[in-house]
């Protein structure tokens, strides 16, 4: 894909039509998107109207009143049609994600595959978690029954790093259980979200069930004020997640599920297979140019391995191919960061590491010698002889290709390094001893804890979410469906029940 004609994206989609700014309207927000891999390449423009918010919410409310009564078999049929529509758009969607995010095409093809697979996983695996069930003879002649109701119109606020895959898991779960949805993609990846919405729009859902709203965080902030919205599903930074909670805490009818960032640690113990760990940790640190919430940022490395392992790691990091995600002579491992602000933030952290006295093994810098002018940066490596609790660099989520090695002498010290964070998303340990892994399972504050697999190793058939600053105990993955429903309990008299007068009842 060497050419791309810029398009004008609609502000919203509701009740089966895409809505654009007309000539008599003035935009409240205007966006122009250039590819981070080639700043000369304009991808799209977009005008946003806040006046579209109320009709979108009204549409979702009407859609919910129909969809919650629709048979499960029909919901599944619509989702299967959506799956077919995504499959037909696979190449277009992968290319669009690559152009918008800068992720290599091989990686974005994997993301689209995950979008397609998620439909089947949700139907075949997640749905079991909210299937109705009965319990016999809870009381004399009385059966207990539990069934699950959809919570209502749900707002999905998507991220830029996995603009389709992460939002898709929330969308599919909500639709399967009977919720209508309003999807607000990241304004950095609006076209990817638009293509996904087109696939939904052509999947025979009743009018109002699927709705799109484009725009910035201000649009999401305004939507949160509507009492009709009952589910709020967010993927993004801790700071934005905290703001969402502060805006919704007094509305007890809203269920808020947050999937936020991480400062993820890997322990490399003296018994580890260093050859396995070398490639695993490299991928975990630099894949997606470090823009994954599960990326490894800190490696607690046993002091006996420091010299040999870090030398090999450094030599391997220098071989990483950094290039345009689609137009390239060699397949790149890394593309650019998402935007100029991210480059500036990354470079600021490099300066912070230097000021705090971390040893710079490989300097992270802005790469300006590429065939295309873009937001390209080099990976960075730092080393710390002893963990410093006061280091802001070691505590901050950088969201760039950064890996810091921190030496340790015993496993207790390593666990302390891993837990010395405001985040608690992903953790891994490389070692031979299962007892050490079990100890980490019990003592590490994280939602994902892996053994001889990286922090980026996860499965859609498992829960996905973190603790502390990484989430609010409502994980995604297979567990996402739990947040789209609430249980209703019933007691049913199913036979002749003995009549007993209440104690203390007078004649």
Protein backbone atom coordinates (compact mmCIF):
# COMPACT_ATOMS: atom_id res chain seq x y z
CA UNK A 1 0.00 0.00 0.00
CA UNK A 2 1.98 2.97 -1.25
CA UNK A 3 -0.83 5.47 -1.80
CA UNK A 4 -3.59 6.70 0.44
CA UNK A 5 -6.22 9.27 -0.48
CA UNK A 6 -7.25 11.42 2.50
CA UNK A 7 -10.93 11.16 3.44
CA UNK A 8 -13.29 13.21 5.57
CA UNK A 9 -14.61 11.18 8.48
CA UNK A 10 -18.15 11.54 9.88
CA UNK A 11 -18.68 13.05 13.31
CA UNK A 12 -21.05 10.29 14.38
CA UNK A 13 -23.17 7.31 13.45
CA UNK A 14 -26.59 6.63 14.91
CA UNK A 15 -29.79 4.98 13.76
CA UNK A 16 -28.13 3.45 10.69
CA UNK A 17 -26.57 6.52 9.08
CA UNK A 18 -23.23 8.34 9.25
CA UNK A 19 -23.51 12.02 10.11
CA UNK A 20 -21.21 14.71 8.72
CA UNK A 21 -20.97 18.43 9.38
CA UNK A 22 -23.22 20.31 6.95
CA UNK A 23 -22.49 23.68 5.38
CA UNK A 24 -24.58 25.61 7.91
CA UNK A 25 -22.80 24.17 10.97
CA UNK A 26 -19.60 25.20 12.70
CA UNK A 27 -17.38 22.47 14.08
CA UNK A 28 -16.70 22.30 17.82
CA UNK A 29 -13.53 20.30 17.16
CA UNK A 30 -11.44 19.83 14.03
CA UNK A 31 -8.79 17.16 13.47
CA UNK A 32 -6.28 16.44 10.75
CA UNK A 33 -4.42 13.17 10.92
CA UNK A 34 -1.00 12.61 9.37
CA UNK A 35 0.69 9.24 9.49
CA UNK A 36 3.30 9.13 12.29
CA UNK A 37 5.45 7.09 9.90
CA UNK A 38 5.36 9.78 7.19
CA UNK A 39 4.30 13.23 8.33
CA UNK A 40 3.84 14.36 4.73
CA UNK A 41 1.03 11.84 4.32
CA UNK A 42 -2.37 13.20 5.35
CA UNK A 43 -4.79 10.40 6.18
CA UNK A 44 -8.04 12.16 7.03
CA UNK A 45 -9.81 15.22 8.36
CA UNK A 46 -12.71 15.26 10.80
CA UNK A 47 -15.14 17.87 12.14
CA UNK A 48 -16.93 17.22 15.44
CA UNK A 49 -20.25 18.58 16.63
CA UNK A 50 -21.22 18.42 20.30
CA UNK A 51 -24.85 18.68 19.19
CA UNK A 52 -24.54 15.07 17.96
CA UNK A 53 -24.09 13.74 21.49
CA UNK A 54 -27.73 13.90 22.60
CA UNK A 55 -29.08 12.13 19.47
CA UNK A 56 -26.43 9.41 19.85
CA UNK A 57 -27.44 8.77 23.46
CA UNK A 58 -31.13 8.80 22.53
CA UNK A 59 -30.41 6.34 19.73
CA UNK A 60 -28.57 3.99 22.10
CA UNK A 61 -31.46 4.14 24.59
CA UNK A 62 -33.98 3.22 21.90
CA UNK A 63 -31.72 0.49 20.59
CA UNK A 64 -31.34 -1.01 24.06
CA UNK A 65 -35.10 -1.24 24.56
CA UNK A 66 -35.25 -3.49 21.47
CA UNK A 67 -31.97 -5.36 21.78
CA UNK A 68 -32.42 -6.54 25.37
CA UNK A 69 -35.57 -8.39 24.25
CA UNK A 70 -33.91 -9.93 21.20
CA UNK A 71 -33.27 -13.68 21.37
CA UNK A 72 -29.71 -14.74 22.11
CA UNK A 73 -29.63 -16.73 18.86
CA UNK A 74 -30.35 -13.55 16.89
CA UNK A 75 -27.68 -11.61 18.77
CA UNK A 76 -25.19 -14.33 17.89
CA UNK A 77 -26.26 -14.21 14.23
CA UNK A 78 -25.61 -10.46 14.10
CA UNK A 79 -22.19 -10.86 15.70
CA UNK A 80 -21.30 -13.64 13.28
CA UNK A 81 -22.25 -11.33 10.40
CA UNK A 82 -20.04 -8.63 11.92
CA UNK A 83 -17.21 -11.17 12.09
CA UNK A 84 -17.67 -11.92 8.37
CA UNK A 85 -17.64 -8.19 7.59
CA UNK A 86 -14.37 -7.69 9.47
CA UNK A 87 -12.84 -10.68 7.69
CA UNK A 88 -13.79 -9.10 4.34
CA UNK A 89 -12.07 -5.87 5.44
CA UNK A 90 -9.03 -7.55 6.95
CA UNK A 91 -6.37 -6.08 4.65
CA UNK A 92 -7.93 -2.61 4.62
CA UNK A 93 -8.24 -2.55 8.40
CA UNK A 94 -4.69 -3.79 9.01
CA UNK A 95 -3.28 -1.20 6.61
CA UNK A 96 -5.31 1.57 8.20
CA UNK A 97 -4.17 0.68 11.71
CA UNK A 98 -0.56 0.64 10.47
CA UNK A 99 -0.88 4.06 8.86
CA UNK A 100 -2.62 5.59 11.86
CA UNK A 101 -0.45 4.07 14.62
CA UNK A 102 2.84 3.31 12.87
CA UNK A 103 2.72 -0.35 13.92
CA UNK A 104 4.31 -2.74 11.40
CA UNK A 105 1.86 -4.44 9.06
CA UNK A 106 2.72 -7.92 10.37
CA UNK A 107 1.63 -6.74 13.82
CA UNK A 108 -1.60 -5.08 12.72
CA UNK A 109 -2.61 -8.17 10.74
CA UNK A 110 -2.32 -10.03 14.03
CA UNK A 111 -4.55 -7.44 15.67
CA UNK A 112 -7.26 -7.90 13.05
CA UNK A 113 -7.00 -11.69 13.46
CA UNK A 114 -7.62 -11.15 17.19
CA UNK A 115 -10.70 -9.03 16.40
CA UNK A 116 -12.10 -11.85 14.27
CA UNK A 117 -11.26 -14.57 16.81
CA UNK A 118 -12.75 -12.62 19.71
CA UNK A 119 -16.29 -13.13 18.44
CA UNK A 120 -16.02 -16.91 18.73
CA UNK A 121 -14.19 -16.77 22.05
CA UNK A 122 -16.85 -14.53 23.57
CA UNK A 123 -19.71 -16.72 22.32
CA UNK A 124 -18.10 -20.06 23.19
CA UNK A 125 -16.18 -19.19 26.36
CA UNK A 126 -17.28 -15.92 27.96
CA UNK A 127 -21.02 -16.48 27.62
CA UNK A 128 -20.85 -19.38 30.09
CA UNK A 129 -20.05 -16.91 32.85
CA UNK A 130 -23.45 -15.21 32.54
CA UNK A 131 -25.65 -18.18 31.66
CA UNK A 132 -28.75 -18.63 33.87
CA UNK A 133 -28.75 -21.47 36.38
CA UNK A 134 -30.89 -23.04 39.10
CA UNK A 135 -30.20 -24.43 42.57
CA UNK A 136 -32.65 -27.01 43.88
CA UNK A 137 -34.31 -27.14 47.31
CA UNK A 138 -32.73 -24.06 48.83
CA UNK A 139 -35.79 -23.98 51.11
CA UNK A 140 -38.68 -26.47 51.42
CA UNK A 141 -40.32 -26.84 48.00
CA UNK A 142 -38.32 -23.83 46.82
CA UNK A 143 -35.83 -23.59 43.95
CA UNK A 144 -33.30 -20.81 43.49
CA UNK A 145 -32.76 -19.26 40.10
CA UNK A 146 -30.20 -16.77 38.83
CA UNK A 147 -30.29 -14.98 35.50
CA UNK A 148 -28.38 -12.03 34.13
CA UNK A 149 -29.72 -8.78 32.75
CA UNK A 150 -27.80 -6.39 30.47
CA UNK A 151 -26.87 -3.20 32.30
CA UNK A 152 -27.95 -0.89 29.46
CA UNK A 153 -26.44 1.54 26.94
CA UNK A 154 -22.66 1.31 27.29
CA UNK A 155 -19.94 3.78 26.34
CA UNK A 156 -16.71 2.23 25.06
CA UNK A 157 -13.76 4.66 25.08
CA UNK A 158 -11.04 3.13 22.92
CA UNK A 159 -7.22 3.47 23.01
CA UNK A 160 -4.86 4.26 20.15
CA UNK A 161 -2.34 1.44 20.60
CA UNK A 162 -4.80 -1.38 19.86
CA UNK A 163 -7.60 0.72 18.36
CA UNK A 164 -9.69 -2.27 17.28
CA UNK A 165 -8.72 -5.30 19.34
CA UNK A 166 -9.18 -3.84 22.82
CA UNK A 167 -12.39 -1.96 22.08
CA UNK A 168 -13.73 -4.94 20.13
CA UNK A 169 -13.59 -7.19 23.21
CA UNK A 170 -15.75 -4.72 25.11
CA UNK A 171 -18.11 -4.14 22.19
CA UNK A 172 -18.71 -7.84 21.48
CA UNK A 173 -19.33 -8.69 25.15
CA UNK A 174 -21.79 -5.82 25.56
CA UNK A 175 -23.71 -6.65 22.38
CA UNK A 176 -23.86 -10.36 23.14
CA UNK A 177 -25.51 -9.81 26.53
CA UNK A 178 -28.07 -7.33 25.19
CA UNK A 179 -26.52 -3.91 25.76
CA UNK A 180 -26.50 -1.23 23.10
CA UNK A 181 -23.17 0.51 22.59
CA UNK A 182 -21.69 3.92 21.90
CA UNK A 183 -18.12 3.64 20.66
CA UNK A 184 -15.74 6.60 20.90
CA UNK A 185 -12.43 5.66 19.28
CA UNK A 186 -9.26 7.52 20.13
CA UNK A 187 -9.06 10.69 18.06
CA UNK A 188 -5.61 9.43 17.01
CA UNK A 189 -7.08 6.34 15.33
CA UNK A 190 -10.50 7.54 14.20
CA UNK A 191 -10.47 5.83 10.79
CA UNK A 192 -9.75 2.39 12.26
CA UNK A 193 -12.75 2.86 14.53
CA UNK A 194 -14.85 4.06 11.62
CA UNK A 195 -14.06 0.93 9.57
CA UNK A 196 -14.96 -1.29 12.51
CA UNK A 197 -18.24 0.60 12.89
CA UNK A 198 -19.01 0.13 9.19
CA UNK A 199 -18.66 -3.61 9.70
CA UNK A 200 -21.09 -3.41 12.63
CA UNK A 201 -23.51 -1.18 10.72
CA UNK A 202 -23.80 -3.78 7.96
CA UNK A 203 -24.42 -6.69 10.34
CA UNK A 204 -28.23 -6.35 10.63
CA UNK A 205 -28.36 -5.01 14.18
CA UNK A 206 -31.65 -3.22 14.97
CA UNK A 207 -31.58 0.55 14.65
CA UNK A 208 -29.85 2.25 17.58
CA UNK A 209 -27.97 -0.79 18.90
CA UNK A 210 -24.57 0.28 17.54
CA UNK A 211 -23.55 3.93 17.67
CA UNK A 212 -20.34 5.84 16.94
CA UNK A 213 -19.19 9.21 18.24
CA UNK A 214 -15.87 10.71 17.20
CA UNK A 215 -13.84 13.36 18.99
CA UNK A 216 -11.48 14.15 21.83
CA UNK A 217 -11.63 13.44 25.53
CA UNK A 218 -13.99 16.39 25.85
CA UNK A 219 -16.60 14.39 23.93
CA UNK A 220 -16.22 11.47 26.34
CA UNK A 221 -16.41 13.85 29.32
CA UNK A 222 -19.71 15.26 28.05
CA UNK A 223 -21.13 11.78 27.38
CA UNK A 224 -20.37 10.70 30.94
CA UNK A 225 -22.87 13.26 32.19
CA UNK A 226 -25.81 11.43 30.58
CA UNK A 227 -27.71 9.32 33.11
CA UNK A 228 -28.92 7.04 30.29
CA UNK A 229 -25.42 5.60 29.92
CA UNK A 230 -25.08 2.70 32.36
CA UNK A 231 -21.76 1.08 31.36
CA UNK A 232 -18.47 2.91 30.93
CA UNK A 233 -15.59 0.80 29.57
CA UNK A 234 -12.28 2.61 29.22
CA UNK A 235 -8.81 1.60 28.03
CA UNK A 236 -6.03 4.14 28.43
CA UNK A 237 -3.89 6.01 30.92
CA UNK A 238 -4.20 6.02 34.69
CA UNK A 239 -4.72 9.79 34.72
CA UNK A 240 -7.74 9.63 32.40
CA UNK A 241 -9.14 6.65 34.30
CA UNK A 242 -8.99 8.59 37.56
CA UNK A 243 -10.79 11.50 35.88
CA UNK A 244 -13.54 9.16 34.69
CA UNK A 245 -14.05 7.88 38.24
CA UNK A 246 -14.17 11.43 39.60
CA UNK A 247 -16.87 12.31 37.05
CA UNK A 248 -19.04 9.25 37.66
CA UNK A 249 -18.63 8.35 41.35
CA UNK A 250 -21.91 9.97 42.42
CA UNK A 251 -23.96 8.17 39.72
CA UNK A 252 -24.51 4.80 41.34
CA UNK A 253 -26.31 3.50 38.24
CA UNK A 254 -23.06 3.52 36.23
CA UNK A 255 -20.73 0.53 36.14
CA UNK A 256 -17.20 1.68 35.31
CA UNK A 257 -14.56 -0.82 34.13
CA UNK A 258 -11.05 0.61 33.74
CA UNK A 259 -8.14 -0.96 31.85
CA UNK A 260 -5.17 1.30 32.48
CA UNK A 261 -1.40 1.39 32.32
CA UNK A 262 1.50 -0.50 33.82
CA UNK A 263 5.09 -0.28 34.99
CA UNK A 264 5.73 -3.94 34.48
CA UNK A 265 8.63 -5.88 35.94
CA UNK A 266 10.35 -9.11 34.95
CA UNK A 267 12.58 -11.01 37.36
CA UNK A 268 15.54 -12.72 35.70
CA UNK A 269 16.80 -15.22 38.26
CA UNK A 270 20.20 -16.91 38.26
CA UNK A 271 18.65 -20.27 37.26
CA UNK A 272 16.87 -18.86 34.20
CA UNK A 273 17.39 -20.01 30.63
CA UNK A 274 19.06 -16.81 29.48
CA UNK A 275 18.74 -17.67 25.78
CA UNK A 276 14.95 -17.89 26.13
CA UNK A 277 14.80 -14.80 28.33
CA UNK A 278 16.93 -12.74 25.94
CA UNK A 279 14.44 -12.77 23.09
CA UNK A 280 11.38 -12.78 25.31
CA UNK A 281 12.42 -9.69 27.26
CA UNK A 282 13.53 -7.90 24.08
CA UNK A 283 10.08 -8.42 22.54
CA UNK A 284 8.33 -7.45 25.75
CA UNK A 285 10.30 -4.21 26.07
CA UNK A 286 10.17 -2.92 22.51
CA UNK A 287 7.22 -4.45 20.67
CA UNK A 288 4.73 -1.80 19.48
CA UNK A 289 7.56 0.70 20.15
CA UNK A 290 6.92 0.17 23.85
CA UNK A 291 3.33 1.41 23.54
CA UNK A 292 1.68 -1.54 25.24
CA UNK A 293 0.33 -1.36 28.76
CA UNK A 294 1.92 -4.78 29.38
CA UNK A 295 5.40 -3.94 28.07
CA UNK A 296 8.33 -4.85 30.31
CA UNK A 297 9.84 -1.65 31.65
CA UNK A 298 11.96 -2.92 34.54
CA UNK A 299 14.07 -6.10 34.68
CA UNK A 300 15.19 -7.15 38.12
CA UNK A 301 18.32 -9.10 37.15
CA UNK A 302 20.34 -11.35 39.43
CA UNK A 303 23.75 -9.78 39.98
CA UNK A 304 25.54 -12.86 38.63
CA UNK A 305 23.89 -12.33 35.20
CA UNK A 306 24.33 -8.58 34.81
CA UNK A 307 27.46 -8.37 32.65
CA UNK A 308 26.87 -11.27 30.27
CA UNK A 309 23.12 -10.83 29.78
CA UNK A 310 23.12 -7.09 29.38
CA UNK A 311 25.89 -7.22 26.79
CA UNK A 312 23.91 -9.70 24.69
CA UNK A 313 20.71 -7.69 25.18
CA UNK A 314 22.44 -4.49 24.10
CA UNK A 315 23.90 -6.07 20.97
CA UNK A 316 20.51 -7.49 20.04
CA UNK A 317 18.72 -4.18 20.65
CA UNK A 318 21.12 -2.46 18.24
CA UNK A 319 19.96 -4.84 15.48
CA UNK A 320 16.29 -3.83 15.75
CA UNK A 321 14.97 -2.61 12.40
CA UNK A 322 13.04 0.65 12.80
CA UNK A 323 11.18 1.75 9.68
CA UNK A 324 7.92 2.61 7.97
CA UNK A 325 5.26 0.02 8.88
CA UNK A 326 4.25 -0.71 5.30
CA UNK A 327 6.78 0.73 2.84
CA UNK A 328 10.14 -0.83 3.67
CA UNK A 329 13.01 -2.84 2.23
CA UNK A 330 13.31 -5.01 5.34
CA UNK A 331 10.50 -6.01 7.67
CA UNK A 332 10.64 -3.64 10.64
CA UNK A 333 10.37 -4.71 14.26
CA UNK A 334 9.47 -1.19 15.38
CA UNK A 335 7.66 1.70 13.75
CA UNK A 336 7.34 5.24 15.10
CA UNK A 337 5.67 6.52 18.25
CA UNK A 338 2.10 7.72 17.80
CA UNK A 339 2.70 11.49 17.78
CA UNK A 340 5.08 14.35 18.48
CA UNK A 341 3.88 14.67 22.08
CA UNK A 342 4.88 11.06 22.71
CA UNK A 343 8.36 11.70 21.27
CA UNK A 344 8.78 14.74 23.51
CA UNK A 345 7.65 12.77 26.55
CA UNK A 346 10.03 9.93 25.73
CA UNK A 347 12.98 12.29 25.39
CA UNK A 348 12.04 14.05 28.64
CA UNK A 349 12.23 10.69 30.42
CA UNK A 350 15.64 10.09 28.91
CA UNK A 351 16.77 13.36 30.47
CA UNK A 352 15.17 12.42 33.76
CA UNK A 353 17.09 9.12 33.86
CA UNK A 354 20.33 11.01 33.34
CA UNK A 355 19.54 13.54 36.08
CA UNK A 356 18.69 10.75 38.49
CA UNK A 357 22.04 9.08 37.86
CA UNK A 358 20.93 5.94 36.01
CA UNK A 359 23.66 4.43 33.85
CA UNK A 360 22.84 4.95 30.18
CA UNK A 361 23.69 1.79 28.24
CA UNK A 362 21.79 2.72 25.07
CA UNK A 363 20.45 6.21 24.53
CA UNK A 364 16.90 6.77 23.39
CA UNK A 365 16.81 9.51 20.77
CA UNK A 366 14.71 10.93 17.97
CA UNK A 367 15.72 9.31 14.67
CA UNK A 368 15.70 11.86 11.87
CA UNK A 369 17.71 9.93 9.29
CA UNK A 370 14.79 7.90 7.95
CA UNK A 371 13.53 8.01 4.33
CA UNK A 372 10.28 9.47 5.70
CA UNK A 373 10.09 12.19 8.31
CA UNK A 374 8.19 10.71 11.25
CA UNK A 375 8.06 10.10 14.98
CA UNK A 376 10.81 7.48 15.01
CA UNK A 377 12.89 6.90 18.16
CA UNK A 378 15.59 4.44 19.13
CA UNK A 379 15.14 1.97 22.00
CA UNK A 380 16.83 2.78 25.31
CA UNK A 381 18.57 0.68 27.97
CA UNK A 382 19.49 1.83 31.48
CA UNK A 383 21.12 0.13 34.43
CA UNK A 384 20.75 0.67 38.18
CA UNK A 385 23.19 -0.90 40.61
CA UNK A 386 20.68 -0.73 43.45
CA UNK A 387 16.98 0.13 43.40
CA UNK A 388 16.22 3.66 44.49
CA UNK A 389 12.74 4.21 45.91
CA UNK A 390 12.95 7.91 45.11
CA UNK A 391 13.51 7.42 41.37
CA UNK A 392 10.62 8.92 39.41
CA UNK A 393 11.96 7.34 36.22
CA UNK A 394 11.70 3.85 37.73
CA UNK A 395 8.10 4.48 38.82
CA UNK A 396 6.67 6.21 35.74
CA UNK A 397 4.93 4.59 32.78
CA UNK A 398 7.01 5.85 29.85
CA UNK A 399 4.97 4.31 26.99
CA UNK A 400 8.02 4.16 24.78
CA UNK A 401 10.78 1.62 24.00
CA UNK A 402 12.55 1.69 27.36
CA UNK A 403 14.07 -1.08 29.48
CA UNK A 404 15.87 -0.59 32.80
CA UNK A 405 17.88 -3.35 34.48
CA UNK A 406 18.05 -3.27 38.28
CA UNK A 407 20.50 -5.64 39.99
CA UNK A 408 19.45 -7.77 42.99
CA UNK A 409 21.03 -10.35 45.28
CA UNK A 410 18.11 -12.38 46.65
CA UNK A 411 14.52 -13.08 45.63
CA UNK A 412 13.05 -10.96 48.42
CA UNK A 413 14.87 -7.94 47.03
CA UNK A 414 13.63 -8.76 43.53
CA UNK A 415 10.01 -8.98 44.70
CA UNK A 416 10.41 -5.64 46.44
CA UNK A 417 11.65 -4.10 43.17
CA UNK A 418 8.62 -5.52 41.34
CA UNK A 419 6.14 -4.21 43.91
CA UNK A 420 7.70 -0.76 44.20
CA UNK A 421 5.22 0.73 41.74
CA UNK A 422 1.91 2.53 41.67
CA UNK A 423 0.85 0.05 38.98
CA UNK A 424 0.01 -3.64 39.11
CA UNK A 425 -0.76 -4.99 35.66
CA UNK A 426 1.74 -7.59 34.39
CA UNK A 427 4.72 -9.45 35.83
CA UNK A 428 6.92 -12.34 34.77
CA UNK A 429 9.73 -14.40 36.23
CA UNK A 430 12.32 -16.49 34.39
CA UNK A 431 13.64 -19.30 36.57
CA UNK A 432 13.66 -23.08 36.83
CA UNK A 433 12.20 -23.36 40.33
CA UNK A 434 8.42 -23.65 40.48
CA UNK A 435 8.60 -22.74 44.16
CA UNK A 436 9.96 -19.30 43.23
CA UNK A 437 7.17 -18.80 40.72
CA UNK A 438 4.56 -19.80 43.32
CA UNK A 439 6.11 -17.36 45.78
CA UNK A 440 5.79 -14.59 43.20
CA UNK A 441 2.19 -15.58 42.50
CA UNK A 442 1.43 -15.04 46.17
CA UNK A 443 3.46 -11.87 46.77
CA UNK A 444 3.50 -9.83 43.55
CA UNK A 445 0.78 -7.17 43.16
CA UNK A 446 -0.34 -7.77 39.57
CA UNK A 447 -3.27 -9.13 37.59
CA UNK A 448 -1.08 -11.12 35.18
CA UNK A 449 1.78 -13.21 36.58
CA UNK A 450 3.72 -15.34 34.07
CA UNK A 451 6.41 -17.99 34.42
CA UNK A 452 9.06 -18.14 31.69
CA UNK A 453 6.80 -16.02 29.46
CA UNK A 454 7.01 -12.29 29.02
CA UNK A 455 4.71 -9.68 30.50
CA UNK A 456 3.09 -9.22 27.07
CA UNK A 457 2.04 -12.88 27.04
CA UNK A 458 -1.75 -12.98 27.53
CA UNK A 459 -4.71 -14.93 26.22
CA UNK A 460 -8.26 -13.84 25.39
CA UNK A 461 -9.46 -16.98 27.17
CA UNK A 462 -8.14 -15.63 30.49
CA UNK A 463 -9.02 -12.52 32.53
CA UNK A 464 -6.99 -9.44 31.61
CA UNK A 465 -6.61 -6.57 34.04
CA UNK A 466 -4.58 -5.17 36.90
CA UNK A 467 -4.66 -3.70 40.37
CA UNK A 468 -3.52 -0.44 41.98
CA UNK A 469 -3.13 2.14 39.18
CA UNK A 470 -3.73 -0.47 36.47
CA UNK A 471 -7.41 -1.20 36.98
CA UNK A 472 -10.41 -1.22 39.29
CA UNK A 473 -10.95 -4.96 39.76
CA UNK A 474 -13.03 -5.37 36.60
CA UNK A 475 -10.71 -7.23 34.22
CA UNK A 476 -11.23 -7.56 30.48
CA UNK A 477 -10.42 -10.70 28.48
CA UNK A 478 -12.83 -13.53 29.17
CA UNK A 479 -14.06 -11.62 32.25
CA UNK A 480 -15.19 -8.57 30.30
CA UNK A 481 -18.67 -10.00 29.92
CA UNK A 482 -19.16 -9.84 33.71
CA UNK A 483 -19.19 -6.04 33.56
CA UNK A 484 -21.97 -5.94 30.95
CA UNK A 485 -24.60 -7.63 33.12
CA UNK A 486 -25.96 -7.80 36.64
CA UNK A 487 -27.44 -10.90 38.31
CA UNK A 488 -31.07 -11.24 39.37
CA UNK A 489 -31.89 -13.88 42.00
CA UNK A 490 -35.31 -15.54 42.38
CA UNK A 491 -36.91 -17.97 44.79
CA UNK A 492 -39.56 -20.17 43.15
CA UNK A 493 -42.08 -22.31 45.00
CA UNK A 494 -42.42 -25.35 42.80
CA UNK A 495 -44.61 -27.60 44.88
CA UNK A 496 -46.94 -27.82 47.85
CA UNK A 497 -45.47 -25.58 50.52
CA UNK A 498 -46.38 -26.04 54.19
CA UNK A 499 -48.18 -23.02 55.57
CA UNK A 500 -46.59 -21.84 58.80
CA UNK A 501 -47.86 -18.99 60.91
CA UNK A 502 -45.21 -16.40 61.82
CA UNK A 503 -43.79 -16.58 65.32
CA UNK A 504 -45.23 -13.94 67.60
CA UNK A 505 -48.50 -13.57 65.68
CA UNK A 506 -51.38 -13.11 68.09
CA UNK A 507 -54.79 -14.81 67.92
